[in-house]
């Protein structure tokens, strides 16, 4: 964000609203170029990670605050079958196209894929660490049809949920 608003309160508000960087006018051209370069490198690292890994990074490893907020929001609504792209847009105050562009740039995936991956990671964790049935886990992860849940799970991990348990 490049702005004439230079107070500390303005800077904090801009960063809370999702700005990756906050520069005030007059700005130093060198500083702007360095920040842009670093943001691009960070974005490239995230894209590389997501293209190589089928699973999401652990929360402690998430470098991008925006991405951290998205995953947190998805996890808070993980059992809600109706939670999808529209609800995620509302939660982070972005239009559908803005959210798509930002998530795609950071992860190489669409927001819908991010929701699905987050749900499947949670399901995988529950399969390994709980005694719940596959049907209960599918409901807890926002899938009302256990059959559909199994198909999506197999596509994500290459195994059926029942194979994980064995």
N, C-alpha and C. Protein backbone atom coordinates (compact mmCIF):
# COMPACT_ATOMS: atom_id res chain seq x y z
N UNK A 1 0.85 -1.16 0.00
CA UNK A 1 0.00 0.00 0.00
C UNK A 1 0.90 1.22 0.00
N UNK A 2 0.65 2.14 -0.92
CA UNK A 2 1.37 3.39 -0.99
C UNK A 2 0.38 4.50 -0.70
N UNK A 3 0.64 5.29 0.34
CA UNK A 3 -0.34 6.26 0.78
C UNK A 3 0.33 7.48 1.40
N UNK A 4 -0.45 8.54 1.50
CA UNK A 4 0.02 9.75 2.18
C UNK A 4 -0.29 9.69 3.67
N UNK A 5 -1.11 8.75 4.08
CA UNK A 5 -1.45 8.60 5.50
C UNK A 5 -0.24 7.99 6.21
N UNK A 6 0.36 8.77 7.09
CA UNK A 6 1.64 8.35 7.66
C UNK A 6 1.61 8.10 9.16
N UNK A 7 0.46 8.18 9.79
CA UNK A 7 0.43 7.94 11.24
C UNK A 7 0.56 6.45 11.52
N UNK A 8 0.98 6.13 12.72
CA UNK A 8 1.12 4.74 13.12
C UNK A 8 -0.23 4.02 13.08
N UNK A 9 -1.29 4.72 13.48
CA UNK A 9 -2.64 4.13 13.46
C UNK A 9 -3.07 3.79 12.04
N UNK A 10 -2.76 4.68 11.08
CA UNK A 10 -3.08 4.41 9.67
C UNK A 10 -2.31 3.20 9.16
N UNK A 11 -1.04 3.12 9.54
CA UNK A 11 -0.20 2.01 9.11
C UNK A 11 -0.74 0.68 9.65
N UNK A 12 -1.09 0.66 10.93
CA UNK A 12 -1.64 -0.56 11.55
C UNK A 12 -2.95 -0.94 10.89
N UNK A 13 -3.80 0.04 10.64
CA UNK A 13 -5.08 -0.25 9.99
C UNK A 13 -4.88 -0.82 8.59
N UNK A 14 -3.96 -0.23 7.83
CA UNK A 14 -3.68 -0.72 6.48
C UNK A 14 -3.18 -2.16 6.49
N UNK A 15 -2.29 -2.47 7.42
CA UNK A 15 -1.77 -3.83 7.53
C UNK A 15 -2.85 -4.81 7.99
N UNK A 16 -3.74 -4.36 8.89
CA UNK A 16 -4.84 -5.22 9.35
C UNK A 16 -5.82 -5.50 8.21
N UNK A 17 -5.94 -4.59 7.29
CA UNK A 17 -6.85 -4.77 6.17
C UNK A 17 -6.28 -5.68 5.08
N UNK A 18 -5.02 -6.09 5.27
CA UNK A 18 -4.45 -7.07 4.34
C UNK A 18 -3.33 -6.56 3.46
N UNK A 19 -2.87 -5.34 3.66
CA UNK A 19 -1.75 -4.84 2.86
C UNK A 19 -0.50 -5.66 3.16
N UNK A 20 0.22 -6.03 2.13
CA UNK A 20 1.44 -6.80 2.32
C UNK A 20 2.58 -5.91 2.78
N UNK A 21 2.53 -4.65 2.40
CA UNK A 21 3.54 -3.67 2.81
C UNK A 21 2.86 -2.31 2.88
N UNK A 22 3.44 -1.41 3.64
CA UNK A 22 2.84 -0.09 3.83
C UNK A 22 3.94 0.96 3.68
N UNK A 23 3.89 1.71 2.59
CA UNK A 23 4.86 2.76 2.32
C UNK A 23 4.14 4.10 2.31
N UNK A 24 4.77 5.09 2.93
CA UNK A 24 4.17 6.42 2.96
C UNK A 24 4.89 7.34 1.98
N UNK A 25 4.13 8.33 1.50
CA UNK A 25 4.71 9.32 0.60
C UNK A 25 5.40 10.39 1.42
N UNK A 26 6.44 10.96 0.99
CA UNK A 26 7.21 10.57 -0.19
C UNK A 26 7.95 9.27 0.10
N UNK A 27 8.10 8.45 -0.89
CA UNK A 27 8.73 7.15 -0.69
C UNK A 27 10.08 7.09 -1.39
N UNK A 28 10.90 6.19 -0.91
CA UNK A 28 12.21 5.96 -1.49
C UNK A 28 12.06 4.87 -2.56
N UNK A 29 12.46 5.20 -3.77
CA UNK A 29 12.32 4.27 -4.89
C UNK A 29 13.03 2.94 -4.62
N UNK A 30 14.20 3.01 -4.01
CA UNK A 30 14.97 1.81 -3.70
C UNK A 30 14.21 0.91 -2.73
N UNK A 31 13.63 1.52 -1.69
CA UNK A 31 12.85 0.76 -0.71
C UNK A 31 11.66 0.08 -1.37
N UNK A 32 10.96 0.81 -2.26
CA UNK A 32 9.82 0.24 -2.97
C UNK A 32 10.25 -0.98 -3.79
N UNK A 33 11.34 -0.86 -4.52
CA UNK A 33 11.82 -1.96 -5.35
C UNK A 33 12.23 -3.17 -4.51
N UNK A 34 12.89 -2.93 -3.37
CA UNK A 34 13.29 -4.02 -2.49
C UNK A 34 12.06 -4.72 -1.93
N UNK A 35 11.07 -3.96 -1.49
CA UNK A 35 9.84 -4.57 -0.95
C UNK A 35 9.11 -5.39 -2.00
N UNK A 36 9.03 -4.86 -3.21
CA UNK A 36 8.37 -5.60 -4.30
C UNK A 36 9.12 -6.90 -4.57
N UNK A 37 10.43 -6.82 -4.64
CA UNK A 37 11.25 -8.02 -4.89
C UNK A 37 11.04 -9.07 -3.79
N UNK A 38 11.03 -8.63 -2.53
CA UNK A 38 10.85 -9.56 -1.43
C UNK A 38 9.45 -10.17 -1.43
N UNK A 39 8.45 -9.38 -1.74
CA UNK A 39 7.08 -9.91 -1.81
C UNK A 39 6.96 -10.95 -2.94
N UNK A 40 7.61 -10.68 -4.05
CA UNK A 40 7.57 -11.63 -5.16
C UNK A 40 8.28 -12.92 -4.80
N UNK A 41 9.42 -12.83 -4.11
CA UNK A 41 10.13 -14.03 -3.68
C UNK A 41 9.30 -14.85 -2.71
N UNK A 42 8.66 -14.17 -1.79
CA UNK A 42 7.80 -14.85 -0.81
C UNK A 42 6.64 -15.55 -1.51
N UNK A 43 6.03 -14.86 -2.47
CA UNK A 43 4.94 -15.44 -3.23
C UNK A 43 5.41 -16.66 -4.01
N UNK A 44 6.60 -16.58 -4.60
CA UNK A 44 7.15 -17.70 -5.36
C UNK A 44 7.40 -18.91 -4.46
N UNK A 45 7.91 -18.66 -3.23
CA UNK A 45 8.15 -19.76 -2.29
C UNK A 45 6.83 -20.45 -1.94
N UNK A 46 5.79 -19.67 -1.70
CA UNK A 46 4.48 -20.25 -1.36
C UNK A 46 3.94 -21.05 -2.54
N UNK A 47 4.02 -20.49 -3.74
CA UNK A 47 3.53 -21.20 -4.92
C UNK A 47 4.29 -22.50 -5.13
N UNK A 48 5.60 -22.46 -4.96
CA UNK A 48 6.42 -23.66 -5.12
C UNK A 48 6.01 -24.71 -4.10
N UNK A 49 5.81 -24.28 -2.86
CA UNK A 49 5.40 -25.22 -1.81
C UNK A 49 4.08 -25.88 -2.17
N UNK A 50 3.08 -25.08 -2.55
CA UNK A 50 1.76 -25.63 -2.84
C UNK A 50 1.74 -26.48 -4.10
N UNK A 51 2.61 -26.18 -5.06
CA UNK A 51 2.63 -27.01 -6.26
C UNK A 51 3.28 -28.36 -6.00
N UNK A 52 4.21 -28.43 -5.03
CA UNK A 52 4.90 -29.68 -4.72
C UNK A 52 4.18 -30.52 -3.68
N UNK A 53 3.41 -29.89 -2.80
CA UNK A 53 2.79 -30.60 -1.69
C UNK A 53 1.29 -30.65 -1.83
N UNK A 54 0.74 -31.82 -1.59
CA UNK A 54 -0.71 -31.96 -1.63
C UNK A 54 -1.34 -31.49 -0.34
N UNK A 55 -0.56 -31.39 0.70
CA UNK A 55 -1.11 -30.97 1.98
C UNK A 55 -0.75 -29.52 2.27
N UNK A 56 -1.52 -28.92 3.15
CA UNK A 56 -1.28 -27.55 3.55
C UNK A 56 -0.14 -27.50 4.55
N UNK A 57 0.57 -26.39 4.60
CA UNK A 57 1.62 -26.28 5.61
C UNK A 57 1.02 -26.20 6.99
N UNK A 58 1.76 -26.62 7.99
CA UNK A 58 1.30 -26.48 9.37
C UNK A 58 1.20 -25.00 9.68
N UNK A 59 0.29 -24.64 10.58
CA UNK A 59 0.02 -23.23 10.86
C UNK A 59 1.29 -22.45 11.20
N UNK A 60 2.21 -23.05 11.91
CA UNK A 60 3.42 -22.34 12.30
C UNK A 60 4.28 -21.99 11.09
N UNK A 61 4.13 -22.71 9.99
CA UNK A 61 4.95 -22.48 8.82
C UNK A 61 4.31 -21.50 7.84
N UNK A 62 3.09 -21.11 8.06
CA UNK A 62 2.42 -20.23 7.11
C UNK A 62 3.01 -18.83 7.24
N UNK A 63 3.70 -18.39 6.17
CA UNK A 63 4.38 -17.11 6.20
C UNK A 63 3.43 -15.95 5.96
N UNK A 64 2.43 -16.16 5.17
CA UNK A 64 1.56 -15.08 4.74
C UNK A 64 0.38 -14.92 5.69
N UNK A 65 0.23 -13.76 6.27
CA UNK A 65 -0.85 -13.50 7.24
C UNK A 65 -2.22 -13.68 6.59
N UNK A 66 -2.36 -13.24 5.35
CA UNK A 66 -3.64 -13.39 4.65
C UNK A 66 -3.99 -14.86 4.50
N UNK A 67 -3.05 -15.67 4.10
CA UNK A 67 -3.28 -17.10 3.93
C UNK A 67 -3.60 -17.74 5.28
N UNK A 68 -2.91 -17.32 6.30
CA UNK A 68 -3.18 -17.81 7.66
C UNK A 68 -4.63 -17.50 8.06
N UNK A 69 -5.08 -16.29 7.77
CA UNK A 69 -6.46 -15.89 8.08
C UNK A 69 -7.46 -16.73 7.31
N UNK A 70 -7.19 -17.00 6.04
CA UNK A 70 -8.09 -17.83 5.23
C UNK A 70 -8.23 -19.23 5.82
N UNK A 71 -7.11 -19.84 6.13
CA UNK A 71 -7.14 -21.21 6.65
C UNK A 71 -7.83 -21.25 8.01
N UNK A 72 -7.57 -20.27 8.83
CA UNK A 72 -8.24 -20.18 10.13
C UNK A 72 -9.75 -20.06 9.96
N UNK A 73 -10.19 -19.23 9.03
CA UNK A 73 -11.62 -19.05 8.76
C UNK A 73 -12.24 -20.35 8.27
N UNK A 74 -11.54 -21.04 7.38
CA UNK A 74 -12.05 -22.32 6.87
C UNK A 74 -12.18 -23.33 8.01
N UNK A 75 -11.16 -23.40 8.85
CA UNK A 75 -11.19 -24.36 9.97
C UNK A 75 -12.31 -24.05 10.95
N UNK A 76 -12.60 -22.77 11.15
CA UNK A 76 -13.69 -22.39 12.05
C UNK A 76 -15.05 -22.82 11.50
N UNK A 77 -15.14 -23.01 10.20
CA UNK A 77 -16.40 -23.37 9.55
C UNK A 77 -16.35 -24.75 8.90
N UNK A 78 -15.42 -25.57 9.33
CA UNK A 78 -15.13 -26.82 8.64
C UNK A 78 -16.30 -27.80 8.60
N UNK A 79 -17.13 -27.81 9.61
CA UNK A 79 -18.24 -28.76 9.63
C UNK A 79 -19.48 -28.22 8.92
N UNK A 80 -19.46 -26.97 8.51
CA UNK A 80 -20.60 -26.36 7.84
C UNK A 80 -20.57 -26.71 6.36
N UNK A 81 -21.48 -27.59 5.96
CA UNK A 81 -21.53 -28.03 4.56
C UNK A 81 -21.78 -26.86 3.62
N UNK A 82 -22.53 -25.86 4.07
CA UNK A 82 -22.87 -24.72 3.23
C UNK A 82 -21.74 -23.71 3.10
N UNK A 83 -20.66 -23.88 3.89
CA UNK A 83 -19.55 -22.94 3.81
C UNK A 83 -18.78 -23.19 2.52
N UNK A 84 -18.72 -22.15 1.72
CA UNK A 84 -18.02 -22.25 0.45
C UNK A 84 -17.39 -20.93 0.08
N UNK A 85 -17.22 -20.74 -1.20
CA UNK A 85 -16.52 -19.58 -1.70
C UNK A 85 -17.22 -18.27 -1.32
N UNK A 86 -18.51 -18.21 -1.41
CA UNK A 86 -19.24 -16.98 -1.08
C UNK A 86 -19.06 -16.60 0.38
N UNK A 87 -19.14 -17.58 1.25
CA UNK A 87 -18.99 -17.32 2.69
C UNK A 87 -17.55 -16.91 3.01
N UNK A 88 -16.59 -17.51 2.32
CA UNK A 88 -15.19 -17.16 2.54
C UNK A 88 -14.93 -15.72 2.08
N UNK A 89 -15.51 -15.33 0.95
CA UNK A 89 -15.39 -13.95 0.46
C UNK A 89 -15.95 -12.98 1.50
N UNK A 90 -17.11 -13.29 2.04
CA UNK A 90 -17.72 -12.42 3.05
C UNK A 90 -16.84 -12.32 4.29
N UNK A 91 -16.26 -13.42 4.69
CA UNK A 91 -15.46 -13.46 5.91
C UNK A 91 -14.18 -12.63 5.80
N UNK A 92 -13.60 -12.55 4.61
CA UNK A 92 -12.36 -11.80 4.44
C UNK A 92 -12.57 -10.48 3.69
N UNK A 93 -13.83 -10.14 3.46
CA UNK A 93 -14.20 -8.85 2.88
C UNK A 93 -13.60 -8.61 1.50
N UNK A 94 -13.62 -9.64 0.67
CA UNK A 94 -13.14 -9.52 -0.70
C UNK A 94 -14.18 -10.02 -1.67
N UNK A 95 -14.17 -9.46 -2.87
CA UNK A 95 -15.03 -9.97 -3.92
C UNK A 95 -14.44 -11.28 -4.44
N UNK A 96 -15.29 -12.05 -5.09
CA UNK A 96 -14.90 -13.37 -5.58
C UNK A 96 -13.65 -13.32 -6.45
N UNK A 97 -13.61 -12.38 -7.40
CA UNK A 97 -12.46 -12.32 -8.31
C UNK A 97 -11.19 -11.89 -7.58
N UNK A 98 -11.32 -10.97 -6.63
CA UNK A 98 -10.15 -10.55 -5.86
C UNK A 98 -9.59 -11.71 -5.04
N UNK A 99 -10.51 -12.44 -4.38
CA UNK A 99 -10.08 -13.58 -3.58
C UNK A 99 -9.41 -14.63 -4.46
N UNK A 100 -10.03 -14.92 -5.60
CA UNK A 100 -9.47 -15.91 -6.51
C UNK A 100 -8.05 -15.53 -6.93
N UNK A 101 -7.88 -14.28 -7.35
CA UNK A 101 -6.57 -13.84 -7.82
C UNK A 101 -5.51 -13.93 -6.72
N UNK A 102 -5.88 -13.50 -5.52
CA UNK A 102 -4.91 -13.47 -4.43
C UNK A 102 -4.53 -14.89 -4.00
N UNK A 103 -5.53 -15.76 -3.84
CA UNK A 103 -5.24 -17.15 -3.43
C UNK A 103 -4.48 -17.88 -4.52
N UNK A 104 -4.85 -17.68 -5.76
CA UNK A 104 -4.17 -18.33 -6.88
C UNK A 104 -2.71 -17.88 -6.94
N UNK A 105 -2.48 -16.59 -6.73
CA UNK A 105 -1.11 -16.07 -6.76
C UNK A 105 -0.27 -16.62 -5.62
N UNK A 106 -0.88 -16.79 -4.45
CA UNK A 106 -0.14 -17.27 -3.29
C UNK A 106 0.08 -18.78 -3.30
N UNK A 107 -0.91 -19.52 -3.75
CA UNK A 107 -0.86 -20.98 -3.60
C UNK A 107 -0.83 -21.75 -4.91
N UNK A 108 -1.23 -21.11 -5.99
CA UNK A 108 -1.36 -21.84 -7.25
C UNK A 108 -2.66 -22.61 -7.33
N UNK A 109 -3.48 -22.54 -6.28
CA UNK A 109 -4.77 -23.22 -6.21
C UNK A 109 -5.89 -22.19 -6.16
N UNK A 110 -7.09 -22.63 -6.45
CA UNK A 110 -8.25 -21.75 -6.33
C UNK A 110 -8.72 -21.74 -4.87
N UNK A 111 -9.52 -20.76 -4.49
CA UNK A 111 -10.07 -20.76 -3.12
C UNK A 111 -10.89 -22.01 -2.82
N UNK A 112 -11.62 -22.50 -3.79
CA UNK A 112 -12.41 -23.73 -3.58
C UNK A 112 -11.50 -24.91 -3.30
N UNK A 113 -10.38 -24.98 -4.02
CA UNK A 113 -9.41 -26.05 -3.77
C UNK A 113 -8.80 -25.91 -2.39
N UNK A 114 -8.56 -24.68 -1.96
CA UNK A 114 -8.02 -24.44 -0.63
C UNK A 114 -8.99 -24.92 0.45
N UNK A 115 -10.27 -24.66 0.25
CA UNK A 115 -11.29 -25.13 1.20
C UNK A 115 -11.29 -26.65 1.25
N UNK A 116 -11.28 -27.27 0.06
CA UNK A 116 -11.29 -28.73 -0.01
C UNK A 116 -10.04 -29.32 0.64
N UNK A 117 -8.88 -28.78 0.34
CA UNK A 117 -7.63 -29.29 0.92
C UNK A 117 -7.64 -29.17 2.44
N UNK A 118 -8.14 -28.06 2.94
CA UNK A 118 -8.20 -27.86 4.39
C UNK A 118 -9.13 -28.89 5.02
N UNK A 119 -10.26 -29.13 4.40
CA UNK A 119 -11.20 -30.14 4.93
C UNK A 119 -10.58 -31.54 4.90
N UNK A 120 -9.91 -31.85 3.81
CA UNK A 120 -9.31 -33.18 3.69
C UNK A 120 -8.15 -33.37 4.68
N UNK A 121 -7.36 -32.34 4.90
CA UNK A 121 -6.29 -32.42 5.90
C UNK A 121 -6.87 -32.69 7.29
N UNK A 122 -7.96 -32.01 7.59
CA UNK A 122 -8.62 -32.21 8.89
C UNK A 122 -9.15 -33.65 8.98
N UNK A 123 -9.75 -34.11 7.91
CA UNK A 123 -10.28 -35.48 7.89
C UNK A 123 -9.15 -36.49 8.07
N UNK A 124 -8.05 -36.27 7.39
CA UNK A 124 -6.90 -37.17 7.50
C UNK A 124 -6.41 -37.22 8.95
N UNK A 125 -6.31 -36.05 9.57
CA UNK A 125 -5.88 -35.98 10.96
C UNK A 125 -6.85 -36.76 11.86
N UNK A 126 -8.15 -36.56 11.66
CA UNK A 126 -9.15 -37.25 12.48
C UNK A 126 -9.10 -38.76 12.28
N UNK A 127 -8.87 -39.19 11.05
CA UNK A 127 -8.77 -40.63 10.79
C UNK A 127 -7.60 -41.26 11.54
N UNK A 128 -6.52 -40.53 11.65
CA UNK A 128 -5.34 -41.05 12.33
C UNK A 128 -5.39 -40.92 13.85
N UNK A 129 -6.11 -39.90 14.34
CA UNK A 129 -6.03 -39.58 15.76
C UNK A 129 -7.35 -39.66 16.52
N UNK A 130 -8.38 -40.20 15.93
CA UNK A 130 -9.64 -40.32 16.68
C UNK A 130 -10.26 -41.69 16.42
N UNK A 131 -11.22 -42.01 17.21
CA UNK A 131 -11.93 -43.28 17.08
C UNK A 131 -13.27 -43.11 16.36
N UNK A 132 -13.52 -41.94 15.80
CA UNK A 132 -14.79 -41.67 15.13
C UNK A 132 -14.90 -42.50 13.87
N UNK A 133 -16.15 -42.78 13.50
CA UNK A 133 -16.39 -43.52 12.26
C UNK A 133 -16.13 -42.60 11.07
N UNK A 134 -15.96 -43.21 9.92
CA UNK A 134 -15.74 -42.44 8.70
C UNK A 134 -16.94 -41.54 8.42
N UNK A 135 -18.12 -42.04 8.69
CA UNK A 135 -19.34 -41.25 8.49
C UNK A 135 -19.33 -40.02 9.41
N UNK A 136 -18.97 -40.20 10.66
CA UNK A 136 -18.91 -39.07 11.60
C UNK A 136 -17.86 -38.05 11.16
N UNK A 137 -16.74 -38.55 10.69
CA UNK A 137 -15.68 -37.65 10.23
C UNK A 137 -16.13 -36.88 8.98
N UNK A 138 -16.82 -37.57 8.09
CA UNK A 138 -17.30 -36.87 6.89
C UNK A 138 -18.25 -35.74 7.27
N UNK A 139 -19.15 -35.98 8.21
CA UNK A 139 -20.05 -34.92 8.69
C UNK A 139 -19.27 -33.79 9.34
N UNK A 140 -18.30 -34.14 10.14
CA UNK A 140 -17.50 -33.16 10.86
C UNK A 140 -16.66 -32.30 9.91
N UNK A 141 -16.40 -32.81 8.72
CA UNK A 141 -15.61 -32.07 7.74
C UNK A 141 -16.46 -31.41 6.66
N UNK A 142 -17.77 -31.37 6.89
CA UNK A 142 -18.66 -30.65 5.98
C UNK A 142 -19.19 -31.45 4.82
N UNK A 143 -19.08 -32.76 4.87
CA UNK A 143 -19.61 -33.62 3.81
C UNK A 143 -20.78 -34.42 4.37
N UNK A 144 -21.97 -34.21 3.80
CA UNK A 144 -23.14 -34.93 4.27
C UNK A 144 -23.28 -36.29 3.60
N UNK A 145 -22.56 -36.50 2.52
CA UNK A 145 -22.60 -37.77 1.80
C UNK A 145 -21.24 -38.47 1.97
N UNK A 146 -21.20 -39.51 2.82
CA UNK A 146 -19.93 -40.21 3.05
C UNK A 146 -19.31 -40.79 1.78
N UNK A 147 -20.14 -41.15 0.82
CA UNK A 147 -19.63 -41.68 -0.44
C UNK A 147 -18.84 -40.61 -1.19
N UNK A 148 -19.40 -39.42 -1.28
CA UNK A 148 -18.71 -38.30 -1.93
C UNK A 148 -17.44 -37.94 -1.16
N UNK A 149 -17.54 -37.96 0.16
CA UNK A 149 -16.37 -37.70 1.01
C UNK A 149 -15.24 -38.67 0.67
N UNK A 150 -15.57 -39.96 0.54
CA UNK A 150 -14.56 -40.97 0.23
C UNK A 150 -13.90 -40.72 -1.13
N UNK A 151 -14.70 -40.32 -2.12
CA UNK A 151 -14.16 -40.02 -3.45
C UNK A 151 -13.19 -38.85 -3.41
N UNK A 152 -13.59 -37.79 -2.73
CA UNK A 152 -12.75 -36.60 -2.63
C UNK A 152 -11.47 -36.93 -1.85
N UNK A 153 -11.61 -37.71 -0.79
CA UNK A 153 -10.46 -38.10 0.03
C UNK A 153 -9.48 -38.91 -0.80
N UNK A 154 -9.98 -39.85 -1.57
CA UNK A 154 -9.10 -40.69 -2.40
C UNK A 154 -8.39 -39.85 -3.45
N UNK A 155 -9.09 -38.88 -4.02
CA UNK A 155 -8.46 -38.01 -5.01
C UNK A 155 -7.33 -37.20 -4.37
N UNK A 156 -7.53 -36.78 -3.14
CA UNK A 156 -6.52 -35.97 -2.44
C UNK A 156 -5.32 -36.80 -2.00
N UNK A 157 -5.57 -37.97 -1.41
CA UNK A 157 -4.49 -38.74 -0.78
C UNK A 157 -4.14 -40.05 -1.49
N UNK A 158 -4.91 -40.43 -2.50
CA UNK A 158 -4.60 -41.66 -3.23
C UNK A 158 -5.05 -42.92 -2.51
N UNK A 159 -5.76 -42.77 -1.40
CA UNK A 159 -6.28 -43.90 -0.64
C UNK A 159 -7.67 -43.55 -0.13
N UNK A 160 -8.47 -44.58 0.06
CA UNK A 160 -9.78 -44.39 0.67
C UNK A 160 -9.60 -44.16 2.17
N UNK A 161 -10.54 -43.50 2.80
CA UNK A 161 -10.44 -43.29 4.25
C UNK A 161 -10.31 -44.60 5.03
N UNK A 162 -10.97 -45.63 4.56
CA UNK A 162 -10.88 -46.94 5.26
C UNK A 162 -9.48 -47.52 5.18
N UNK A 163 -8.73 -47.21 4.12
CA UNK A 163 -7.36 -47.71 3.98
C UNK A 163 -6.40 -47.00 4.94
N UNK A 164 -6.71 -45.77 5.29
CA UNK A 164 -5.88 -45.00 6.23
C UNK A 164 -5.96 -45.63 7.61
N UNK A 165 -7.15 -46.11 7.95
CA UNK A 165 -7.39 -46.69 9.27
C UNK A 165 -6.69 -48.04 9.46
N UNK A 166 -6.46 -48.75 8.39
CA UNK A 166 -5.88 -50.10 8.51
C UNK A 166 -4.40 -50.08 8.74
